[in-house]
Amino acid sequence: MVVNLKTKRHLVARMLGVGANRIKFDSQYLDDVSDAITRDNIRSLITANIIEVRPIKGTSKGRAHHKKAQRRKRGTKQGSKKGAKGSRIGKKQVYVRKIKALRHRLHVSKGRKEITNPEYWKLYRQAGGNQIRNVAHLRTLIEETHKKRT
């Protein structure tokens, strides 16, 4: 006789604080499990090892170890790399790094009172629009605006 023990499984899982898939009932004592109504009955079945909790299945590291070994074998360290930075890192990542650096530099310059608020926002928009090449280019633009004011 097949008994539906889904609700019992969920109850035990909630009691023990584990997932329902980790609960295992002994197949010889399924009638006892179905008769267990109260939590005390279930606790007694747990102590009698009729209800067990399966161990957690971890993620196997075998594939990761193999990949690491392949990396070591191929030699992807600094001396073996070819091409520009943008060819190994994605274009978006290069852009994000550049923009963050430019915006940080703008923030610092504004804090030091090297540029005024309107100048800051003008340069901010230029940086976002990819008109400023790099931090060195930004520095020259800041110096030019500073010279114009004095």
N, C-alpha and C. Protein backbone atom coordinates (compact mmCIF):
# COMPACT_ATOMS: atom_id res chain seq x y z
N MET A 1 0.84 -1.19 0.00
CA MET A 1 0.00 0.00 0.00
C MET A 1 0.88 1.25 0.00
N VAL A 2 0.70 2.09 -1.01
CA VAL A 2 1.49 3.32 -1.12
C VAL A 2 0.77 4.43 -0.36
N VAL A 3 1.52 5.08 0.52
CA VAL A 3 0.94 6.14 1.35
C VAL A 3 1.54 7.46 0.91
N ASN A 4 0.71 8.51 0.80
CA ASN A 4 1.21 9.84 0.44
C ASN A 4 1.69 10.53 1.72
N LEU A 5 3.00 10.70 1.83
CA LEU A 5 3.60 11.28 3.04
C LEU A 5 4.17 12.67 2.81
N LYS A 6 3.63 13.36 1.82
CA LYS A 6 4.16 14.68 1.47
C LYS A 6 4.02 15.67 2.62
N THR A 7 2.84 15.70 3.24
CA THR A 7 2.62 16.64 4.34
C THR A 7 3.49 16.29 5.55
N LYS A 8 3.67 14.98 5.79
CA LYS A 8 4.54 14.55 6.90
C LYS A 8 5.98 15.00 6.64
N ARG A 9 6.38 14.85 5.39
CA ARG A 9 7.75 15.25 5.01
C ARG A 9 7.96 16.75 5.26
N HIS A 10 6.97 17.55 4.88
CA HIS A 10 7.06 19.01 5.09
C HIS A 10 7.06 19.35 6.57
N LEU A 11 6.26 18.64 7.35
CA LEU A 11 6.20 18.88 8.78
C LEU A 11 7.56 18.58 9.43
N VAL A 12 8.13 17.43 9.08
CA VAL A 12 9.43 17.05 9.64
C VAL A 12 10.50 18.06 9.21
N ALA A 13 10.45 18.49 7.95
CA ALA A 13 11.42 19.46 7.44
C ALA A 13 11.33 20.77 8.21
N ARG A 14 10.09 21.20 8.49
CA ARG A 14 9.89 22.44 9.25
C ARG A 14 10.37 22.29 10.68
N MET A 15 10.15 21.11 11.26
CA MET A 15 10.59 20.86 12.64
C MET A 15 12.11 20.89 12.76
N LEU A 16 12.77 20.25 11.81
CA LEU A 16 14.23 20.13 11.88
C LEU A 16 14.98 21.28 11.21
N GLY A 17 14.25 22.12 10.50
CA GLY A 17 14.87 23.27 9.85
C GLY A 17 15.74 22.90 8.66
N VAL A 18 15.32 21.88 7.92
CA VAL A 18 16.05 21.47 6.72
C VAL A 18 15.07 21.43 5.55
N GLY A 19 15.60 21.20 4.35
CA GLY A 19 14.75 21.11 3.17
C GLY A 19 13.97 19.80 3.15
N ALA A 20 12.82 19.82 2.51
CA ALA A 20 11.96 18.63 2.46
C ALA A 20 12.61 17.49 1.70
N ASN A 21 13.47 17.81 0.74
CA ASN A 21 14.12 16.77 -0.05
C ASN A 21 15.16 15.99 0.75
N ARG A 22 15.59 16.55 1.88
CA ARG A 22 16.59 15.86 2.68
C ARG A 22 15.99 14.87 3.67
N ILE A 23 14.67 14.84 3.80
CA ILE A 23 14.01 13.94 4.74
C ILE A 23 13.86 12.57 4.09
N LYS A 24 14.24 11.51 4.84
CA LYS A 24 14.14 10.15 4.33
C LYS A 24 13.39 9.30 5.34
N PHE A 25 12.35 8.63 4.86
CA PHE A 25 11.58 7.71 5.70
C PHE A 25 12.06 6.29 5.44
N ASP A 26 12.14 5.48 6.50
CA ASP A 26 12.49 4.06 6.35
C ASP A 26 11.31 3.36 5.68
N SER A 27 11.58 2.67 4.57
CA SER A 27 10.49 2.09 3.78
C SER A 27 9.74 0.96 4.50
N GLN A 28 10.37 0.35 5.51
CA GLN A 28 9.70 -0.73 6.25
C GLN A 28 8.69 -0.20 7.26
N TYR A 29 8.84 1.06 7.67
CA TYR A 29 7.99 1.62 8.72
C TYR A 29 7.11 2.77 8.21
N LEU A 30 6.69 2.70 6.96
CA LEU A 30 5.87 3.78 6.40
C LEU A 30 4.52 3.90 7.10
N ASP A 31 3.98 2.77 7.57
CA ASP A 31 2.70 2.82 8.29
C ASP A 31 2.85 3.59 9.60
N ASP A 32 3.96 3.36 10.29
CA ASP A 32 4.21 4.10 11.55
C ASP A 32 4.33 5.59 11.28
N VAL A 33 4.97 5.93 10.21
CA VAL A 33 5.15 7.35 9.86
C VAL A 33 3.79 7.97 9.54
N SER A 34 2.95 7.24 8.79
CA SER A 34 1.64 7.79 8.45
C SER A 34 0.73 7.91 9.67
N ASP A 35 0.93 7.05 10.68
CA ASP A 35 0.13 7.12 11.91
C ASP A 35 0.58 8.25 12.83
N ALA A 36 1.83 8.68 12.69
CA ALA A 36 2.36 9.75 13.55
C ALA A 36 1.64 11.06 13.23
N ILE A 37 0.91 11.57 14.23
CA ILE A 37 0.12 12.77 14.02
C ILE A 37 0.77 13.97 14.69
N THR A 38 1.22 13.78 15.93
CA THR A 38 1.77 14.91 16.68
C THR A 38 3.27 15.02 16.46
N ARG A 39 3.79 16.17 16.87
CA ARG A 39 5.23 16.40 16.76
C ARG A 39 6.00 15.46 17.69
N ASP A 40 5.40 15.12 18.84
CA ASP A 40 6.05 14.18 19.76
C ASP A 40 6.22 12.82 19.10
N ASN A 41 5.18 12.37 18.39
CA ASN A 41 5.28 11.09 17.68
C ASN A 41 6.42 11.12 16.66
N ILE A 42 6.52 12.24 15.96
CA ILE A 42 7.56 12.38 14.94
C ILE A 42 8.94 12.40 15.58
N ARG A 43 9.05 13.10 16.73
CA ARG A 43 10.34 13.13 17.44
C ARG A 43 10.78 11.73 17.86
N SER A 44 9.83 10.91 18.31
CA SER A 44 10.16 9.55 18.72
C SER A 44 10.61 8.72 17.51
N LEU A 45 10.01 8.96 16.33
CA LEU A 45 10.44 8.27 15.12
C LEU A 45 11.84 8.70 14.69
N ILE A 46 12.16 9.97 14.94
CA ILE A 46 13.50 10.47 14.60
C ILE A 46 14.54 9.81 15.49
N THR A 47 14.25 9.70 16.80
CA THR A 47 15.19 9.05 17.72
C THR A 47 15.34 7.56 17.42
N ALA A 48 14.28 6.95 16.88
CA ALA A 48 14.33 5.53 16.52
C ALA A 48 14.96 5.30 15.13
N ASN A 49 15.44 6.38 14.50
CA ASN A 49 16.07 6.33 13.16
C ASN A 49 15.13 5.81 12.08
N ILE A 50 13.84 5.97 12.27
CA ILE A 50 12.89 5.64 11.21
C ILE A 50 12.80 6.81 10.24
N ILE A 51 12.94 8.03 10.79
CA ILE A 51 13.03 9.23 9.96
C ILE A 51 14.47 9.73 10.06
N GLU A 52 15.10 9.90 8.89
CA GLU A 52 16.49 10.35 8.85
C GLU A 52 16.61 11.62 8.03
N VAL A 53 17.69 12.35 8.28
CA VAL A 53 17.98 13.54 7.49
C VAL A 53 19.22 13.22 6.65
N ARG A 54 19.05 13.32 5.34
CA ARG A 54 20.17 13.05 4.44
C ARG A 54 21.19 14.18 4.54
N PRO A 55 22.49 13.89 4.36
CA PRO A 55 23.50 14.96 4.39
C PRO A 55 23.36 15.88 3.17
N ILE A 56 23.91 17.07 3.31
CA ILE A 56 23.85 18.04 2.21
C ILE A 56 24.75 17.57 1.08
N LYS A 57 24.22 17.67 -0.13
CA LYS A 57 25.04 17.36 -1.30
C LYS A 57 25.80 18.62 -1.67
N GLY A 58 27.11 18.58 -1.58
CA GLY A 58 27.91 19.74 -1.93
C GLY A 58 28.17 19.77 -3.43
N THR A 59 28.67 20.88 -3.91
CA THR A 59 29.04 21.00 -5.31
C THR A 59 30.43 20.41 -5.47
N SER A 60 30.59 19.54 -6.44
CA SER A 60 31.89 18.91 -6.68
C SER A 60 32.87 19.93 -7.21
N LYS A 61 34.10 19.89 -6.68
CA LYS A 61 35.13 20.83 -7.12
C LYS A 61 36.01 20.24 -8.21
N GLY A 62 35.67 19.02 -8.65
CA GLY A 62 36.52 18.33 -9.62
C GLY A 62 36.74 19.12 -10.89
N ARG A 63 35.66 19.69 -11.42
CA ARG A 63 35.76 20.43 -12.67
C ARG A 63 36.60 21.69 -12.48
N ALA A 64 36.42 22.33 -11.32
CA ALA A 64 37.19 23.55 -11.03
C ALA A 64 38.67 23.23 -10.90
N HIS A 65 38.99 22.11 -10.24
CA HIS A 65 40.40 21.72 -10.09
C HIS A 65 41.02 21.43 -11.46
N HIS A 66 40.25 20.77 -12.32
CA HIS A 66 40.74 20.46 -13.65
C HIS A 66 41.01 21.74 -14.44
N LYS A 67 40.10 22.69 -14.34
CA LYS A 67 40.24 23.95 -15.06
C LYS A 67 41.47 24.71 -14.57
N LYS A 68 41.68 24.70 -13.27
CA LYS A 68 42.85 25.38 -12.69
C LYS A 68 44.14 24.75 -13.19
N ALA A 69 44.16 23.40 -13.26
CA ALA A 69 45.33 22.69 -13.76
C ALA A 69 45.59 23.06 -15.21
N GLN A 70 44.52 23.17 -16.01
CA GLN A 70 44.67 23.54 -17.42
C GLN A 70 45.25 24.95 -17.54
N ARG A 71 44.79 25.85 -16.67
CA ARG A 71 45.30 27.23 -16.68
C ARG A 71 46.79 27.24 -16.39
N ARG A 72 47.19 26.45 -15.40
CA ARG A 72 48.60 26.37 -15.05
C ARG A 72 49.42 25.86 -16.23
N LYS A 73 48.86 24.87 -16.91
CA LYS A 73 49.57 24.24 -18.01
C LYS A 73 49.73 25.22 -19.18
N ARG A 74 48.69 26.00 -19.43
CA ARG A 74 48.72 26.91 -20.58
C ARG A 74 49.55 28.16 -20.31
N GLY A 75 49.69 28.52 -19.05
CA GLY A 75 50.48 29.70 -18.71
C GLY A 75 49.82 30.99 -19.13
N THR A 76 48.78 31.38 -18.39
CA THR A 76 48.06 32.61 -18.73
C THR A 76 48.47 33.73 -17.77
N LYS A 77 49.70 33.71 -17.34
CA LYS A 77 50.17 34.78 -16.44
C LYS A 77 50.56 35.99 -17.28
N GLN A 78 51.12 36.99 -16.61
CA GLN A 78 51.36 38.28 -17.23
C GLN A 78 52.23 38.21 -18.49
N GLY A 79 53.29 37.41 -18.46
CA GLY A 79 54.22 37.37 -19.59
C GLY A 79 53.65 36.71 -20.83
N SER A 80 52.63 35.89 -20.68
CA SER A 80 52.08 35.16 -21.82
C SER A 80 50.92 35.87 -22.50
N LYS A 81 50.48 36.97 -21.93
CA LYS A 81 49.31 37.65 -22.48
C LYS A 81 49.69 38.48 -23.70
N LYS A 82 48.83 38.42 -24.70
CA LYS A 82 49.05 39.20 -25.90
C LYS A 82 47.82 40.05 -26.17
N GLY A 83 48.02 41.16 -26.82
CA GLY A 83 46.90 42.03 -27.14
C GLY A 83 46.73 43.13 -26.11
N ALA A 84 45.90 44.09 -26.47
CA ALA A 84 45.64 45.23 -25.58
C ALA A 84 44.75 44.80 -24.42
N LYS A 85 44.64 45.67 -23.43
CA LYS A 85 43.79 45.37 -22.27
C LYS A 85 42.36 45.08 -22.70
N GLY A 86 41.88 45.88 -23.64
CA GLY A 86 40.49 45.75 -24.10
C GLY A 86 40.21 44.46 -24.86
N SER A 87 41.27 43.80 -25.32
CA SER A 87 41.03 42.56 -26.06
C SER A 87 40.82 41.38 -25.12
N ARG A 88 41.30 41.49 -23.88
CA ARG A 88 41.11 40.41 -22.91
C ARG A 88 39.96 40.71 -21.95
N ILE A 89 39.76 41.98 -21.69
CA ILE A 89 38.62 42.41 -20.85
C ILE A 89 37.56 42.95 -21.81
N GLY A 90 36.30 42.82 -21.46
CA GLY A 90 35.23 43.28 -22.33
C GLY A 90 35.23 44.79 -22.48
N LYS A 91 34.68 45.27 -23.59
CA LYS A 91 34.63 46.70 -23.88
C LYS A 91 33.87 47.46 -22.80
N LYS A 92 32.80 46.86 -22.34
CA LYS A 92 31.98 47.53 -21.33
C LYS A 92 32.75 47.71 -20.03
N GLN A 93 33.49 46.67 -19.64
CA GLN A 93 34.26 46.74 -18.40
C GLN A 93 35.33 47.82 -18.49
N VAL A 94 35.98 47.93 -19.66
CA VAL A 94 36.99 48.96 -19.88
C VAL A 94 36.33 50.33 -19.74
N TYR A 95 35.15 50.49 -20.36
CA TYR A 95 34.44 51.77 -20.31
C TYR A 95 34.05 52.13 -18.88
N VAL A 96 33.53 51.15 -18.13
CA VAL A 96 33.08 51.40 -16.77
C VAL A 96 34.25 51.84 -15.89
N ARG A 97 35.40 51.15 -16.03
CA ARG A 97 36.59 51.53 -15.25
C ARG A 97 37.02 52.95 -15.56
N LYS A 98 37.01 53.28 -16.84
CA LYS A 98 37.44 54.61 -17.28
C LYS A 98 36.51 55.68 -16.71
N ILE A 99 35.20 55.47 -16.85
CA ILE A 99 34.22 56.45 -16.38
C ILE A 99 34.32 56.63 -14.87
N LYS A 100 34.48 55.51 -14.14
CA LYS A 100 34.59 55.62 -12.68
C LYS A 100 35.81 56.43 -12.29
N ALA A 101 36.92 56.21 -12.98
CA ALA A 101 38.15 56.95 -12.69
C ALA A 101 37.96 58.43 -12.98
N LEU A 102 37.33 58.73 -14.13
CA LEU A 102 37.10 60.13 -14.51
C LEU A 102 36.17 60.83 -13.51
N ARG A 103 35.10 60.14 -13.13
CA ARG A 103 34.14 60.75 -12.20
C ARG A 103 34.76 60.96 -10.83
N HIS A 104 35.61 60.01 -10.42
CA HIS A 104 36.30 60.17 -9.13
C HIS A 104 37.21 61.39 -9.18
N ARG A 105 37.96 61.52 -10.27
CA ARG A 105 38.87 62.66 -10.43
C ARG A 105 38.08 63.98 -10.43
N LEU A 106 36.94 63.99 -11.10
CA LEU A 106 36.09 65.19 -11.12
C LEU A 106 35.62 65.53 -9.70
N HIS A 107 35.22 64.51 -8.96
CA HIS A 107 34.74 64.71 -7.59
C HIS A 107 35.84 65.31 -6.71
N VAL A 108 37.04 64.78 -6.85
CA VAL A 108 38.17 65.28 -6.07
C VAL A 108 38.47 66.73 -6.45
N SER A 109 38.47 67.02 -7.74
CA SER A 109 38.76 68.38 -8.21
C SER A 109 37.73 69.38 -7.71
N LYS A 110 36.47 68.95 -7.67
CA LYS A 110 35.40 69.82 -7.18
C LYS A 110 35.57 70.06 -5.69
N GLY A 111 35.98 69.03 -4.97
CA GLY A 111 36.22 69.16 -3.53
C GLY A 111 37.37 70.09 -3.21
N ARG A 112 38.39 70.10 -4.09
CA ARG A 112 39.55 70.99 -3.90
C ARG A 112 39.30 72.39 -4.42
N LYS A 113 38.12 72.64 -4.94
CA LYS A 113 37.72 73.94 -5.50
C LYS A 113 38.55 74.31 -6.73
N GLU A 114 39.02 73.29 -7.46
CA GLU A 114 39.74 73.54 -8.71
C GLU A 114 38.76 73.91 -9.82
N ILE A 115 37.53 73.37 -9.72
CA ILE A 115 36.49 73.68 -10.71
C ILE A 115 35.20 74.06 -9.98
N THR A 116 34.39 74.86 -10.66
CA THR A 116 33.12 75.27 -10.07
C THR A 116 32.06 74.21 -10.40
N ASN A 117 30.89 74.39 -9.81
CA ASN A 117 29.81 73.42 -10.02
C ASN A 117 29.38 73.34 -11.49
N PRO A 118 29.16 74.45 -12.20
CA PRO A 118 28.78 74.34 -13.62
C PRO A 118 29.87 73.67 -14.47
N GLU A 119 31.15 74.02 -14.17
CA GLU A 119 32.27 73.39 -14.89
C GLU A 119 32.29 71.89 -14.63
N TYR A 120 32.03 71.52 -13.37
CA TYR A 120 32.02 70.11 -12.97
C TYR A 120 31.01 69.34 -13.81
N TRP A 121 29.78 69.90 -13.91
CA TRP A 121 28.74 69.18 -14.64
C TRP A 121 28.98 69.15 -16.14
N LYS A 122 29.63 70.21 -16.65
CA LYS A 122 29.98 70.22 -18.07
C LYS A 122 30.98 69.09 -18.37
N LEU A 123 32.01 69.00 -17.53
CA LEU A 123 33.02 67.95 -17.71
C LEU A 123 32.44 66.56 -17.43
N TYR A 124 31.50 66.49 -16.49
CA TYR A 124 30.85 65.21 -16.15
C TYR A 124 30.11 64.66 -17.37
N ARG A 125 29.37 65.56 -18.04
CA ARG A 125 28.63 65.14 -19.23
C ARG A 125 29.58 64.77 -20.36
N GLN A 126 30.68 65.51 -20.48
CA GLN A 126 31.67 65.18 -21.52
C GLN A 126 32.27 63.80 -21.28
N ALA A 127 32.54 63.50 -20.01
CA ALA A 127 33.10 62.18 -19.67
C ALA A 127 32.09 61.09 -20.02
N GLY A 128 30.84 61.31 -19.69
CA GLY A 128 29.80 60.34 -20.00
C GLY A 128 29.59 60.16 -21.49
N GLY A 129 29.83 61.23 -22.26
CA GLY A 129 29.67 61.19 -23.71
C GLY A 129 30.91 60.72 -24.42
N ASN A 130 31.92 60.27 -23.68
CA ASN A 130 33.17 59.71 -24.23
C ASN A 130 33.98 60.76 -24.98
N GLN A 131 33.89 62.04 -24.57
CA GLN A 131 34.69 63.10 -25.18
C GLN A 131 36.04 63.24 -24.51
N ILE A 132 36.15 62.72 -23.29
CA ILE A 132 37.41 62.79 -22.55
C ILE A 132 38.09 61.43 -22.66
N ARG A 133 39.34 61.43 -23.11
CA ARG A 133 40.04 60.18 -23.40
C ARG A 133 40.41 59.40 -22.13
N ASN A 134 41.05 60.11 -21.18
CA ASN A 134 41.54 59.45 -19.97
C ASN A 134 41.73 60.48 -18.87
N VAL A 135 42.27 60.05 -17.74
CA VAL A 135 42.43 60.94 -16.58
C VAL A 135 43.42 62.05 -16.89
N ALA A 136 44.48 61.74 -17.65
CA ALA A 136 45.47 62.76 -18.01
C ALA A 136 44.81 63.85 -18.87
N HIS A 137 43.97 63.44 -19.81
CA HIS A 137 43.26 64.39 -20.65
C HIS A 137 42.34 65.26 -19.80
N LEU A 138 41.66 64.63 -18.84
CA LEU A 138 40.78 65.37 -17.93
C LEU A 138 41.56 66.39 -17.12
N ARG A 139 42.75 65.98 -16.67
CA ARG A 139 43.59 66.88 -15.87
C ARG A 139 43.94 68.13 -16.67
N THR A 140 44.29 67.98 -17.95
CA THR A 140 44.62 69.14 -18.78
C THR A 140 43.40 70.04 -18.97
N LEU A 141 42.22 69.43 -19.13
CA LEU A 141 40.99 70.23 -19.28
C LEU A 141 40.70 71.02 -18.01
N ILE A 142 40.93 70.38 -16.86
CA ILE A 142 40.70 71.06 -15.57
C ILE A 142 41.67 72.23 -15.42
N GLU A 143 42.93 72.00 -15.81
CA GLU A 143 43.93 73.08 -15.72
C GLU A 143 43.57 74.24 -16.64
N GLU A 144 43.07 73.91 -17.84
CA GLU A 144 42.67 74.97 -18.80
C GLU A 144 41.52 75.80 -18.23
N THR A 145 40.52 75.14 -17.65
CA THR A 145 39.40 75.88 -17.08
C THR A 145 39.86 76.71 -15.88
N HIS A 146 40.82 76.19 -15.13
CA HIS A 146 41.35 76.90 -13.96
C HIS A 146 42.10 78.16 -14.41
N LYS A 147 42.88 78.03 -15.52
CA LYS A 147 43.63 79.17 -16.05
C LYS A 147 42.70 80.24 -16.59
N LYS A 148 41.60 79.82 -17.22
CA LYS A 148 40.64 80.78 -17.78
C LYS A 148 40.02 81.64 -16.68
N ARG A 149 39.78 81.04 -15.53
CA ARG A 149 39.16 81.76 -14.42
C ARG A 149 40.12 82.75 -13.78
N THR A 150 41.40 82.39 -13.72
CA THR A 150 42.38 83.30 -13.06
C THR A 150 43.03 84.25 -14.02
